Amino acid sequence: MSMSRNRGSGSGPFLMEMVIAAGFFMLCVAMCLSAFVQADRLSKNGRDLNRAVLAAESLVEEVKAGNTENFGKSVPDDNFQKIFEKWKTGDPDANAMYQSIESSEDIHTYQVVWDKEWNCYPDTVELEKNGKKLAYAGEIMTGMKDQMKEIAVVIFDYGTSTDHGSEIFHIFTEQYVKP
């Protein structure tokens, strides 16, 4: 009687090689996808920073020109003051500047809010009247000391993203006021 050996099809090593190749391909896809997500986040952060810088500079110029009637006087919500205080106490330069303003005369505080397209509104009531949602919030504080108007502006990401309440940009400046 002859002995027959049942040989496999030889596809075992080929299948193992294909599984390894597919795994390597999936790892490469995951890394590429991660790079695109990171690039999108950096692009959004850069876009927000550019818009916040322009918005802060515009607010400073309006304060210097005395055009503060379009600014709001109320905070966007109950959390805003907590977020603002946490930022202020966490940044030694900001804390020093705000203490300087708070110790001056004729102190004024204003708030403004923006939708996701960076359209400016004096408060959340006006924002919601236009069917928009709060995306960014800013605070402007001014005070007079020795013929110098001190101006501080800070802008926060205030949307529903994971960056809710994080500072995007702040600026401190002064303006000489003739006696």
Foldseek 3Di string as FASTA:
>chain_A
DDDDDDDDPPCVVVVVVVVVVVVVVVVVVVVVVVVVVVVVVVVVLVVVLVLVVVVQVVVVVCVVVVNCPQAAQDDADPCLVVLVVVVCVVDVVSVVLVVVQVPAADKDKTKWFAFPVRDIHRYVVVQVVVVGDTFKMKMWMWGDDPQKIKIKMWMAGCDPDPRHSPTSDMDIDIDGHDD
